[in-house]
């Protein structure tokens, strides 16, 4: 599992009782050893739903104490805002794919996106852009300084345990809008 990371979602609306939520997190981290997993392999994605900030901050502290990293999911929508970034100080901020796609339709997308990425990185977070669906999305994300990329233009989702090629993708080929990019799973 070296070099791999497992992201899991936590919806703050499901359990807003601090005691129960903390017990669930402690139970989960105790069971990691059963699967020979280190907590550092895990990233908890906090979804954009509203929650009691005190409960959320306590949960994040507990997960960090256990070695689990934190991500804010769907930044730009719902409650995934700059205020939540300040409160939780995530390791990773995931930019919402639909929000990013709408931004990319504007001629000045790169000029507006770069300062956002810079602000998040200054706060110590890596920036992951979701929804990379075409060469324009990829160009804006790369020129904006994003650290991590996710989307159908790069690769289709695959089941855990799937064998995948480890060679890097050609950025030049992916940025060529006229080029027909063949997904890795269809290469021969």
N, C-alpha and C. Protein backbone atom coordinates (compact mmCIF):
# COMPACT_ATOMS: atom_id res chain seq x y z
N UNK A 1 0.81 -1.20 0.00
CA UNK A 1 0.00 0.00 0.00
C UNK A 1 0.85 1.26 0.00
N UNK A 2 2.14 1.09 -0.17
CA UNK A 2 3.02 2.25 -0.13
C UNK A 2 2.64 3.25 -1.22
N UNK A 3 2.52 4.50 -0.83
CA UNK A 3 2.20 5.56 -1.77
C UNK A 3 0.72 5.75 -2.04
N UNK A 4 -0.12 4.88 -1.51
CA UNK A 4 -1.56 5.01 -1.73
C UNK A 4 -2.22 5.69 -0.54
N UNK A 5 -3.31 6.36 -0.83
CA UNK A 5 -4.08 7.05 0.19
C UNK A 5 -5.54 6.66 0.03
N UNK A 6 -6.22 6.43 1.13
CA UNK A 6 -7.64 6.09 1.11
C UNK A 6 -8.44 7.28 1.66
N UNK A 7 -9.29 7.84 0.82
CA UNK A 7 -10.17 8.93 1.23
C UNK A 7 -11.50 8.34 1.67
N UNK A 8 -12.03 8.82 2.79
CA UNK A 8 -13.38 8.42 3.21
C UNK A 8 -14.14 9.67 3.62
N UNK A 9 -15.45 9.63 3.42
CA UNK A 9 -16.28 10.79 3.71
C UNK A 9 -16.84 10.76 5.11
N UNK A 10 -16.96 11.94 5.68
CA UNK A 10 -17.66 12.11 6.95
C UNK A 10 -18.68 13.22 6.76
N UNK A 11 -19.95 12.87 6.91
CA UNK A 11 -21.03 13.85 6.79
C UNK A 11 -21.39 14.33 8.18
N UNK A 12 -21.11 15.60 8.50
CA UNK A 12 -21.36 16.10 9.85
C UNK A 12 -22.82 16.10 10.25
N UNK A 13 -23.73 15.99 9.30
CA UNK A 13 -25.16 16.00 9.62
C UNK A 13 -25.64 14.65 10.15
N UNK A 14 -24.92 13.59 9.88
CA UNK A 14 -25.36 12.26 10.28
C UNK A 14 -25.30 12.08 11.79
N UNK A 15 -24.24 12.58 12.40
CA UNK A 15 -24.11 12.41 13.84
C UNK A 15 -23.53 13.69 14.43
N UNK A 16 -24.39 14.53 15.00
CA UNK A 16 -23.90 15.79 15.56
C UNK A 16 -23.79 15.74 17.09
N UNK A 17 -23.84 14.53 17.66
CA UNK A 17 -23.64 14.37 19.10
C UNK A 17 -22.17 14.05 19.31
N UNK A 18 -21.46 14.91 20.00
CA UNK A 18 -20.01 14.80 20.13
C UNK A 18 -19.57 13.46 20.70
N UNK A 19 -20.18 12.99 21.77
CA UNK A 19 -19.77 11.74 22.41
C UNK A 19 -19.87 10.56 21.46
N UNK A 20 -21.00 10.43 20.77
CA UNK A 20 -21.18 9.31 19.83
C UNK A 20 -20.22 9.42 18.65
N UNK A 21 -20.07 10.63 18.13
CA UNK A 21 -19.18 10.81 16.99
C UNK A 21 -17.74 10.47 17.35
N UNK A 22 -17.29 10.91 18.52
CA UNK A 22 -15.93 10.58 18.97
C UNK A 22 -15.76 9.08 19.18
N UNK A 23 -16.78 8.43 19.73
CA UNK A 23 -16.71 6.97 19.94
C UNK A 23 -16.58 6.25 18.60
N UNK A 24 -17.29 6.71 17.58
CA UNK A 24 -17.20 6.09 16.25
C UNK A 24 -15.80 6.25 15.66
N UNK A 25 -15.23 7.44 15.81
CA UNK A 25 -13.88 7.68 15.29
C UNK A 25 -12.88 6.80 16.02
N UNK A 26 -12.99 6.70 17.34
CA UNK A 26 -12.06 5.86 18.12
C UNK A 26 -12.19 4.38 17.73
N UNK A 27 -13.42 3.92 17.53
CA UNK A 27 -13.65 2.54 17.11
C UNK A 27 -13.00 2.28 15.75
N UNK A 28 -13.19 3.20 14.84
CA UNK A 28 -12.61 3.04 13.50
C UNK A 28 -11.09 2.96 13.57
N UNK A 29 -10.46 3.85 14.31
CA UNK A 29 -9.00 3.84 14.37
C UNK A 29 -8.47 2.59 15.07
N UNK A 30 -9.21 2.06 16.05
CA UNK A 30 -8.79 0.81 16.70
C UNK A 30 -8.80 -0.34 15.71
N UNK A 31 -9.78 -0.34 14.80
CA UNK A 31 -9.90 -1.45 13.85
C UNK A 31 -8.93 -1.34 12.67
N UNK A 32 -8.28 -0.22 12.51
CA UNK A 32 -7.30 -0.10 11.42
C UNK A 32 -6.22 -1.16 11.55
N UNK A 33 -5.79 -1.43 12.77
CA UNK A 33 -4.76 -2.44 13.01
C UNK A 33 -5.19 -3.82 12.54
N UNK A 34 -6.49 -4.12 12.60
CA UNK A 34 -6.99 -5.42 12.14
C UNK A 34 -6.70 -5.62 10.65
N UNK A 35 -6.61 -4.53 9.91
CA UNK A 35 -6.36 -4.60 8.47
C UNK A 35 -4.93 -4.20 8.11
N UNK A 36 -4.10 -4.06 9.15
CA UNK A 36 -2.71 -3.67 8.98
C UNK A 36 -2.59 -2.35 8.22
N UNK A 37 -3.46 -1.41 8.55
CA UNK A 37 -3.44 -0.08 7.93
C UNK A 37 -2.94 0.94 8.94
N UNK A 38 -2.12 1.83 8.47
CA UNK A 38 -1.66 2.94 9.30
C UNK A 38 -2.64 4.10 9.13
N UNK A 39 -2.97 4.79 10.19
CA UNK A 39 -3.88 5.93 10.08
C UNK A 39 -3.41 6.99 9.09
N UNK A 40 -2.10 7.09 8.87
CA UNK A 40 -1.57 8.09 7.94
C UNK A 40 -1.99 7.83 6.49
N UNK A 41 -2.46 6.60 6.20
CA UNK A 41 -2.97 6.29 4.86
C UNK A 41 -4.34 6.91 4.61
N UNK A 42 -5.02 7.31 5.68
CA UNK A 42 -6.40 7.76 5.58
C UNK A 42 -6.51 9.28 5.53
N UNK A 43 -7.46 9.73 4.71
CA UNK A 43 -7.84 11.14 4.66
C UNK A 43 -9.34 11.19 4.83
N UNK A 44 -9.79 11.88 5.87
CA UNK A 44 -11.21 12.04 6.11
C UNK A 44 -11.70 13.29 5.39
N UNK A 45 -12.63 13.10 4.45
CA UNK A 45 -13.22 14.21 3.72
C UNK A 45 -14.44 14.71 4.50
N UNK A 46 -14.37 15.93 4.97
CA UNK A 46 -15.51 16.55 5.64
C UNK A 46 -16.40 17.13 4.56
N UNK A 47 -17.63 16.66 4.47
CA UNK A 47 -18.53 17.12 3.41
C UNK A 47 -19.05 18.52 3.71
N UNK A 48 -19.73 19.10 2.71
CA UNK A 48 -20.10 20.51 2.79
C UNK A 48 -21.33 20.81 3.63
N UNK A 49 -21.97 19.81 4.22
CA UNK A 49 -23.17 20.06 5.01
C UNK A 49 -22.84 20.85 6.28
N UNK A 50 -23.86 21.50 6.80
CA UNK A 50 -23.72 22.28 8.03
C UNK A 50 -23.53 21.34 9.21
N UNK A 51 -22.90 21.84 10.23
CA UNK A 51 -22.72 21.07 11.47
C UNK A 51 -22.34 22.04 12.56
N UNK A 52 -22.47 21.57 13.78
CA UNK A 52 -22.02 22.35 14.92
C UNK A 52 -20.49 22.45 14.83
N UNK A 53 -19.98 23.67 14.73
CA UNK A 53 -18.55 23.87 14.57
C UNK A 53 -17.74 23.28 15.71
N UNK A 54 -18.28 23.32 16.94
CA UNK A 54 -17.58 22.77 18.10
C UNK A 54 -17.40 21.26 17.94
N UNK A 55 -18.47 20.57 17.52
CA UNK A 55 -18.41 19.12 17.32
C UNK A 55 -17.41 18.79 16.22
N UNK A 56 -17.51 19.51 15.12
CA UNK A 56 -16.63 19.25 13.98
C UNK A 56 -15.16 19.47 14.35
N UNK A 57 -14.86 20.57 15.03
CA UNK A 57 -13.48 20.86 15.44
C UNK A 57 -12.96 19.78 16.39
N UNK A 58 -13.80 19.30 17.30
CA UNK A 58 -13.39 18.24 18.23
C UNK A 58 -13.10 16.94 17.49
N UNK A 59 -13.94 16.60 16.52
CA UNK A 59 -13.72 15.38 15.74
C UNK A 59 -12.42 15.46 14.95
N UNK A 60 -12.18 16.61 14.36
CA UNK A 60 -10.96 16.78 13.58
C UNK A 60 -9.73 16.66 14.48
N UNK A 61 -9.78 17.25 15.66
CA UNK A 61 -8.66 17.12 16.61
C UNK A 61 -8.41 15.66 16.96
N UNK A 62 -9.48 14.90 17.21
CA UNK A 62 -9.35 13.48 17.56
C UNK A 62 -8.74 12.69 16.40
N UNK A 63 -9.22 12.93 15.19
CA UNK A 63 -8.67 12.21 14.04
C UNK A 63 -7.20 12.55 13.83
N UNK A 64 -6.87 13.81 13.97
CA UNK A 64 -5.46 14.22 13.82
C UNK A 64 -4.59 13.57 14.88
N UNK A 65 -5.09 13.48 16.10
CA UNK A 65 -4.34 12.84 17.18
C UNK A 65 -4.03 11.39 16.81
N UNK A 66 -4.96 10.75 16.09
CA UNK A 66 -4.76 9.36 15.67
C UNK A 66 -3.94 9.25 14.39
N UNK A 67 -3.58 10.38 13.77
CA UNK A 67 -2.75 10.35 12.56
C UNK A 67 -3.51 10.42 11.26
N UNK A 68 -4.83 10.59 11.32
CA UNK A 68 -5.64 10.69 10.11
C UNK A 68 -5.58 12.13 9.58
N UNK A 69 -5.38 12.26 8.27
CA UNK A 69 -5.36 13.58 7.65
C UNK A 69 -6.78 14.05 7.35
N UNK A 70 -6.94 15.35 7.16
CA UNK A 70 -8.26 15.95 6.98
C UNK A 70 -8.34 16.66 5.63
N UNK A 71 -9.48 16.46 4.95
CA UNK A 71 -9.77 17.19 3.71
C UNK A 71 -11.13 17.86 3.84
N UNK A 72 -11.26 19.02 3.25
CA UNK A 72 -12.56 19.69 3.12
C UNK A 72 -13.04 19.35 1.72
N UNK A 73 -14.21 18.74 1.61
CA UNK A 73 -14.76 18.33 0.32
C UNK A 73 -15.64 19.43 -0.25
N UNK A 74 -15.70 19.49 -1.57
CA UNK A 74 -16.62 20.38 -2.30
C UNK A 74 -16.47 21.85 -1.93
N UNK A 75 -15.21 22.31 -1.79
CA UNK A 75 -14.98 23.72 -1.49
C UNK A 75 -15.60 24.58 -2.58
N UNK A 76 -16.28 25.62 -2.15
CA UNK A 76 -16.97 26.51 -3.08
C UNK A 76 -18.47 26.32 -3.04
N UNK A 77 -18.94 25.28 -2.32
CA UNK A 77 -20.38 25.03 -2.21
C UNK A 77 -20.76 24.84 -0.75
N UNK A 78 -22.03 24.99 -0.46
CA UNK A 78 -22.55 24.73 0.88
C UNK A 78 -21.75 25.41 1.97
N UNK A 79 -21.36 24.64 2.98
CA UNK A 79 -20.62 25.17 4.12
C UNK A 79 -19.11 24.96 3.98
N UNK A 80 -18.66 24.52 2.81
CA UNK A 80 -17.22 24.38 2.56
C UNK A 80 -16.68 25.74 2.13
N UNK A 81 -16.44 26.57 3.11
CA UNK A 81 -16.08 27.97 2.89
C UNK A 81 -14.74 28.30 3.51
N UNK A 82 -14.31 29.53 3.32
CA UNK A 82 -13.06 29.99 3.93
C UNK A 82 -13.14 29.91 5.45
N UNK A 83 -14.31 30.17 6.02
CA UNK A 83 -14.46 30.08 7.48
C UNK A 83 -14.20 28.65 7.96
N UNK A 84 -14.67 27.65 7.22
CA UNK A 84 -14.43 26.26 7.60
C UNK A 84 -12.95 25.90 7.43
N UNK A 85 -12.32 26.48 6.44
CA UNK A 85 -10.88 26.27 6.25
C UNK A 85 -10.13 26.80 7.47
N UNK A 86 -10.48 27.99 7.92
CA UNK A 86 -9.83 28.58 9.10
C UNK A 86 -10.07 27.71 10.34
N UNK A 87 -11.29 27.21 10.50
CA UNK A 87 -11.64 26.42 11.68
C UNK A 87 -10.91 25.09 11.72
N UNK A 88 -10.86 24.39 10.59
CA UNK A 88 -10.37 23.01 10.58
C UNK A 88 -8.92 22.85 10.11
N UNK A 89 -8.37 23.87 9.47
CA UNK A 89 -6.99 23.81 8.95
C UNK A 89 -6.72 22.48 8.25
N UNK A 90 -7.44 22.18 7.16
CA UNK A 90 -7.31 20.88 6.51
C UNK A 90 -5.95 20.69 5.84
N UNK A 91 -5.60 19.43 5.66
CA UNK A 91 -4.39 19.07 4.92
C UNK A 91 -4.63 19.20 3.42
N UNK A 92 -5.87 18.95 3.00
CA UNK A 92 -6.25 18.99 1.59
C UNK A 92 -7.58 19.72 1.47
N UNK A 93 -7.69 20.57 0.45
CA UNK A 93 -8.97 21.20 0.12
C UNK A 93 -9.34 20.72 -1.27
N UNK A 94 -10.52 20.09 -1.38
CA UNK A 94 -11.01 19.58 -2.65
C UNK A 94 -11.95 20.62 -3.26
N UNK A 95 -11.56 21.17 -4.41
CA UNK A 95 -12.38 22.16 -5.10
C UNK A 95 -13.52 21.43 -5.80
N UNK A 96 -14.75 21.88 -5.55
CA UNK A 96 -15.94 21.25 -6.13
C UNK A 96 -15.87 21.24 -7.66
N UNK A 97 -16.12 20.09 -8.25
CA UNK A 97 -16.03 19.94 -9.70
C UNK A 97 -17.02 20.78 -10.48
N UNK A 98 -18.27 20.84 -10.04
CA UNK A 98 -19.28 21.64 -10.74
C UNK A 98 -18.93 23.13 -10.64
N UNK A 99 -18.50 23.57 -9.47
CA UNK A 99 -18.10 24.96 -9.28
C UNK A 99 -16.91 25.29 -10.17
N UNK A 100 -15.93 24.38 -10.21
CA UNK A 100 -14.74 24.59 -11.02
C UNK A 100 -15.09 24.61 -12.51
N UNK A 101 -15.98 23.71 -12.94
CA UNK A 101 -16.40 23.68 -14.34
C UNK A 101 -17.06 24.99 -14.75
N UNK A 102 -17.89 25.54 -13.86
CA UNK A 102 -18.54 26.83 -14.15
C UNK A 102 -17.50 27.94 -14.24
N UNK A 103 -16.52 27.92 -13.35
CA UNK A 103 -15.44 28.92 -13.37
C UNK A 103 -14.68 28.85 -14.69
N UNK A 104 -14.42 27.64 -15.17
CA UNK A 104 -13.63 27.46 -16.40
C UNK A 104 -14.33 27.99 -17.64
N UNK A 105 -15.61 28.24 -17.58
CA UNK A 105 -16.33 28.80 -18.73
C UNK A 105 -16.04 30.29 -18.92
N UNK A 106 -15.40 30.91 -17.94
CA UNK A 106 -15.09 32.34 -18.03
C UNK A 106 -13.69 32.53 -18.60
N UNK A 107 -13.54 33.54 -19.44
CA UNK A 107 -12.26 33.81 -20.10
C UNK A 107 -11.14 34.07 -19.09
N UNK A 108 -11.46 34.66 -17.96
CA UNK A 108 -10.44 35.01 -16.97
C UNK A 108 -10.31 33.96 -15.87
N UNK A 109 -10.71 32.73 -16.14
CA UNK A 109 -10.72 31.69 -15.11
C UNK A 109 -9.36 31.52 -14.44
N UNK A 110 -8.31 31.45 -15.25
CA UNK A 110 -6.97 31.22 -14.68
C UNK A 110 -6.57 32.37 -13.77
N UNK A 111 -6.91 33.60 -14.17
CA UNK A 111 -6.53 34.77 -13.39
C UNK A 111 -7.23 34.78 -12.04
N UNK A 112 -8.46 34.27 -11.97
CA UNK A 112 -9.20 34.24 -10.71
C UNK A 112 -8.87 33.01 -9.86
N UNK A 113 -8.51 31.92 -10.52
CA UNK A 113 -8.28 30.67 -9.80
C UNK A 113 -6.94 30.66 -9.07
N UNK A 114 -5.91 31.21 -9.69
CA UNK A 114 -4.57 31.19 -9.09
C UNK A 114 -4.54 31.81 -7.68
N UNK A 115 -5.15 32.99 -7.44
CA UNK A 115 -5.13 33.55 -6.07
C UNK A 115 -5.84 32.67 -5.04
N UNK A 116 -6.92 32.00 -5.46
CA UNK A 116 -7.62 31.10 -4.55
C UNK A 116 -6.70 29.95 -4.14
N UNK A 117 -6.06 29.33 -5.13
CA UNK A 117 -5.14 28.23 -4.84
C UNK A 117 -4.01 28.72 -3.94
N UNK A 118 -3.46 29.88 -4.25
CA UNK A 118 -2.38 30.43 -3.44
C UNK A 118 -2.79 30.66 -1.99
N UNK A 119 -4.00 31.18 -1.79
CA UNK A 119 -4.49 31.43 -0.43
C UNK A 119 -4.63 30.11 0.34
N UNK A 120 -5.16 29.09 -0.30
CA UNK A 120 -5.32 27.79 0.36
C UNK A 120 -3.97 27.16 0.68
N UNK A 121 -3.03 27.27 -0.24
CA UNK A 121 -1.70 26.71 -0.01
C UNK A 121 -0.96 27.48 1.10
N UNK A 122 -1.16 28.79 1.17
CA UNK A 122 -0.55 29.58 2.25
C UNK A 122 -1.04 29.13 3.62
N UNK A 123 -2.25 28.59 3.66
CA UNK A 123 -2.81 28.08 4.91
C UNK A 123 -2.35 26.65 5.19
N UNK A 124 -1.48 26.12 4.34
CA UNK A 124 -0.90 24.80 4.58
C UNK A 124 -1.62 23.64 3.93
N UNK A 125 -2.60 23.92 3.08
CA UNK A 125 -3.37 22.85 2.45
C UNK A 125 -2.87 22.57 1.03
N UNK A 126 -2.93 21.31 0.66
CA UNK A 126 -2.77 20.94 -0.75
C UNK A 126 -4.13 21.15 -1.40
N UNK A 127 -4.13 21.54 -2.67
CA UNK A 127 -5.37 21.81 -3.39
C UNK A 127 -5.61 20.70 -4.41
N UNK A 128 -6.75 20.02 -4.27
CA UNK A 128 -7.17 18.97 -5.19
C UNK A 128 -8.36 19.50 -5.98
N UNK A 129 -8.26 19.48 -7.30
CA UNK A 129 -9.36 19.95 -8.15
C UNK A 129 -10.12 18.74 -8.65
N UNK A 130 -11.40 18.68 -8.32
CA UNK A 130 -12.29 17.62 -8.79
C UNK A 130 -12.88 18.03 -10.14
N UNK A 131 -13.37 17.06 -10.90
CA UNK A 131 -14.14 17.35 -12.11
C UNK A 131 -13.32 17.79 -13.30
N UNK A 132 -12.09 17.30 -13.43
CA UNK A 132 -11.29 17.62 -14.62
C UNK A 132 -11.86 16.78 -15.76
N UNK A 133 -12.65 17.42 -16.63
CA UNK A 133 -13.36 16.69 -17.67
C UNK A 133 -12.88 16.98 -19.08
N UNK A 134 -12.00 17.98 -19.24
CA UNK A 134 -11.50 18.29 -20.58
C UNK A 134 -10.17 19.04 -20.47
N UNK A 135 -9.57 19.33 -21.63
CA UNK A 135 -8.26 19.98 -21.65
C UNK A 135 -8.31 21.37 -21.02
N UNK A 136 -9.39 22.11 -21.21
CA UNK A 136 -9.50 23.45 -20.62
C UNK A 136 -9.49 23.37 -19.09
N UNK A 137 -10.23 22.45 -18.53
CA UNK A 137 -10.23 22.26 -17.07
C UNK A 137 -8.81 21.96 -16.57
N UNK A 138 -8.14 21.06 -17.27
CA UNK A 138 -6.78 20.68 -16.88
C UNK A 138 -5.84 21.88 -16.95
N UNK A 139 -5.95 22.66 -18.02
CA UNK A 139 -5.09 23.83 -18.19
C UNK A 139 -5.29 24.82 -17.05
N UNK A 140 -6.55 25.14 -16.73
CA UNK A 140 -6.83 26.10 -15.65
C UNK A 140 -6.29 25.57 -14.32
N UNK A 141 -6.49 24.29 -14.05
CA UNK A 141 -6.02 23.71 -12.78
C UNK A 141 -4.50 23.75 -12.69
N UNK A 142 -3.82 23.36 -13.76
CA UNK A 142 -2.35 23.35 -13.74
C UNK A 142 -1.78 24.76 -13.66
N UNK A 143 -2.32 25.67 -14.48
CA UNK A 143 -1.81 27.04 -14.46
C UNK A 143 -2.17 27.75 -13.16
N UNK A 144 -3.22 27.28 -12.50
CA UNK A 144 -3.59 27.85 -11.21
C UNK A 144 -2.74 27.33 -10.06
N UNK A 145 -1.95 26.28 -10.31
CA UNK A 145 -1.05 25.77 -9.29
C UNK A 145 -1.61 24.65 -8.43
N UNK A 146 -2.69 23.98 -8.88
CA UNK A 146 -3.28 22.89 -8.11
C UNK A 146 -2.25 21.79 -7.87
N UNK A 147 -2.33 21.18 -6.70
CA UNK A 147 -1.39 20.12 -6.31
C UNK A 147 -1.84 18.74 -6.80
N UNK A 148 -3.15 18.50 -6.78
CA UNK A 148 -3.71 17.19 -7.10
C UNK A 148 -4.89 17.38 -8.03
N UNK A 149 -5.11 16.40 -8.92
CA UNK A 149 -6.17 16.49 -9.92
C UNK A 149 -6.99 15.21 -9.92
N UNK A 150 -8.28 15.36 -10.21
CA UNK A 150 -9.18 14.20 -10.23
C UNK A 150 -10.24 14.46 -11.29
N UNK A 151 -10.51 13.48 -12.14
CA UNK A 151 -11.59 13.64 -13.11
C UNK A 151 -11.49 12.66 -14.26
N UNK A 152 -12.58 12.56 -15.01
CA UNK A 152 -12.69 11.60 -16.10
C UNK A 152 -11.67 11.86 -17.21
N UNK A 153 -11.23 13.10 -17.38
CA UNK A 153 -10.24 13.39 -18.43
C UNK A 153 -8.90 12.72 -18.11
N UNK A 154 -8.67 12.45 -16.85
CA UNK A 154 -7.41 11.83 -16.42
C UNK A 154 -7.53 10.32 -16.32
N UNK A 155 -8.61 9.85 -15.73
CA UNK A 155 -8.85 8.41 -15.59
C UNK A 155 -10.25 8.19 -15.04
N UNK A 156 -10.81 7.07 -15.37
CA UNK A 156 -12.12 6.69 -14.84
C UNK A 156 -11.94 6.09 -13.45
N UNK A 157 -12.96 6.22 -12.60
CA UNK A 157 -12.88 5.57 -11.28
C UNK A 157 -12.73 4.06 -11.46
N UNK A 158 -12.06 3.43 -10.53
CA UNK A 158 -11.85 1.98 -10.59
C UNK A 158 -12.09 1.39 -9.21
N UNK A 159 -12.44 0.13 -9.19
CA UNK A 159 -12.66 -0.58 -7.94
C UNK A 159 -11.35 -0.75 -7.19
N UNK A 160 -11.44 -0.77 -5.88
CA UNK A 160 -10.26 -1.02 -5.06
C UNK A 160 -9.67 -2.37 -5.47
N UNK A 161 -8.37 -2.44 -5.55
CA UNK A 161 -7.71 -3.67 -5.95
C UNK A 161 -7.46 -3.76 -7.44
N UNK A 162 -7.96 -2.80 -8.21
CA UNK A 162 -7.75 -2.79 -9.65
C UNK A 162 -6.27 -2.59 -9.95
N UNK A 163 -5.78 -3.32 -10.92
CA UNK A 163 -4.40 -3.12 -11.34
C UNK A 163 -4.38 -1.94 -12.30
N UNK A 164 -3.48 -1.00 -12.07
CA UNK A 164 -3.42 0.16 -12.94
C UNK A 164 -1.97 0.43 -13.32
N UNK A 165 -1.82 1.11 -14.45
CA UNK A 165 -0.48 1.45 -14.92
C UNK A 165 0.10 2.53 -14.03
N UNK A 166 1.37 2.42 -13.76
CA UNK A 166 2.03 3.38 -12.88
C UNK A 166 2.78 4.46 -13.66
N UNK A 167 2.83 4.34 -15.00
CA UNK A 167 3.53 5.36 -15.78
C UNK A 167 2.73 6.66 -15.73
N UNK A 168 3.44 7.79 -15.68
CA UNK A 168 2.73 9.06 -15.65
C UNK A 168 2.00 9.32 -16.97
N UNK A 169 0.90 10.05 -16.88
CA UNK A 169 0.17 10.46 -18.07
C UNK A 169 0.94 11.58 -18.77
N UNK A 170 0.76 11.71 -20.07
CA UNK A 170 1.39 12.79 -20.83
C UNK A 170 0.53 14.04 -20.70
N UNK A 171 1.06 15.04 -20.01
CA UNK A 171 0.32 16.30 -19.84
C UNK A 171 0.10 16.95 -21.20
N UNK A 172 1.11 16.90 -22.08
CA UNK A 172 0.96 17.51 -23.40
C UNK A 172 -0.21 16.88 -24.16
N UNK A 173 -0.32 15.57 -24.11
CA UNK A 173 -1.43 14.89 -24.79
C UNK A 173 -2.76 15.26 -24.15
N UNK A 174 -2.80 15.36 -22.83
CA UNK A 174 -4.04 15.71 -22.14
C UNK A 174 -4.46 17.15 -22.40
N UNK A 175 -3.49 18.04 -22.62
CA UNK A 175 -3.81 19.45 -22.86
C UNK A 175 -4.19 19.73 -24.31
N UNK A 176 -3.89 18.81 -25.22
CA UNK A 176 -4.24 18.99 -26.62
C UNK A 176 -5.71 18.67 -26.81
N UNK A 177 -6.53 19.73 -26.89
CA UNK A 177 -7.99 19.56 -26.97
C UNK A 177 -8.42 18.77 -28.19
N UNK A 178 -7.62 18.80 -29.28
CA UNK A 178 -7.98 18.07 -30.49
C UNK A 178 -7.56 16.62 -30.45
N UNK A 179 -6.74 16.27 -29.50
CA UNK A 179 -6.22 14.91 -29.39
C UNK A 179 -7.26 14.02 -28.72
N UNK A 180 -7.42 12.85 -29.23
CA UNK A 180 -8.32 11.89 -28.60
C UNK A 180 -7.52 11.12 -27.57
N UNK A 181 -7.73 11.43 -26.32
CA UNK A 181 -7.00 10.76 -25.24
C UNK A 181 -7.64 9.41 -25.00
N UNK A 182 -6.84 8.36 -25.04
CA UNK A 182 -7.33 7.02 -24.79
C UNK A 182 -7.17 6.73 -23.31
N UNK A 183 -8.28 6.45 -22.61
CA UNK A 183 -8.15 6.12 -21.18
C UNK A 183 -7.21 4.93 -20.98
N UNK A 184 -6.49 4.94 -19.87
CA UNK A 184 -5.51 3.90 -19.60
C UNK A 184 -6.09 2.50 -19.66
N UNK A 185 -7.34 2.34 -19.23
CA UNK A 185 -7.92 0.99 -19.18
C UNK A 185 -8.21 0.45 -20.57
N UNK A 186 -8.14 1.30 -21.64
CA UNK A 186 -8.40 0.84 -22.99
C UNK A 186 -7.12 0.67 -23.80
N UNK A 187 -5.98 1.05 -23.25
CA UNK A 187 -4.72 0.91 -23.97
C UNK A 187 -4.36 -0.57 -24.09
N UNK A 188 -3.72 -0.90 -25.15
CA UNK A 188 -3.30 -2.29 -25.37
C UNK A 188 -1.81 -2.38 -25.29
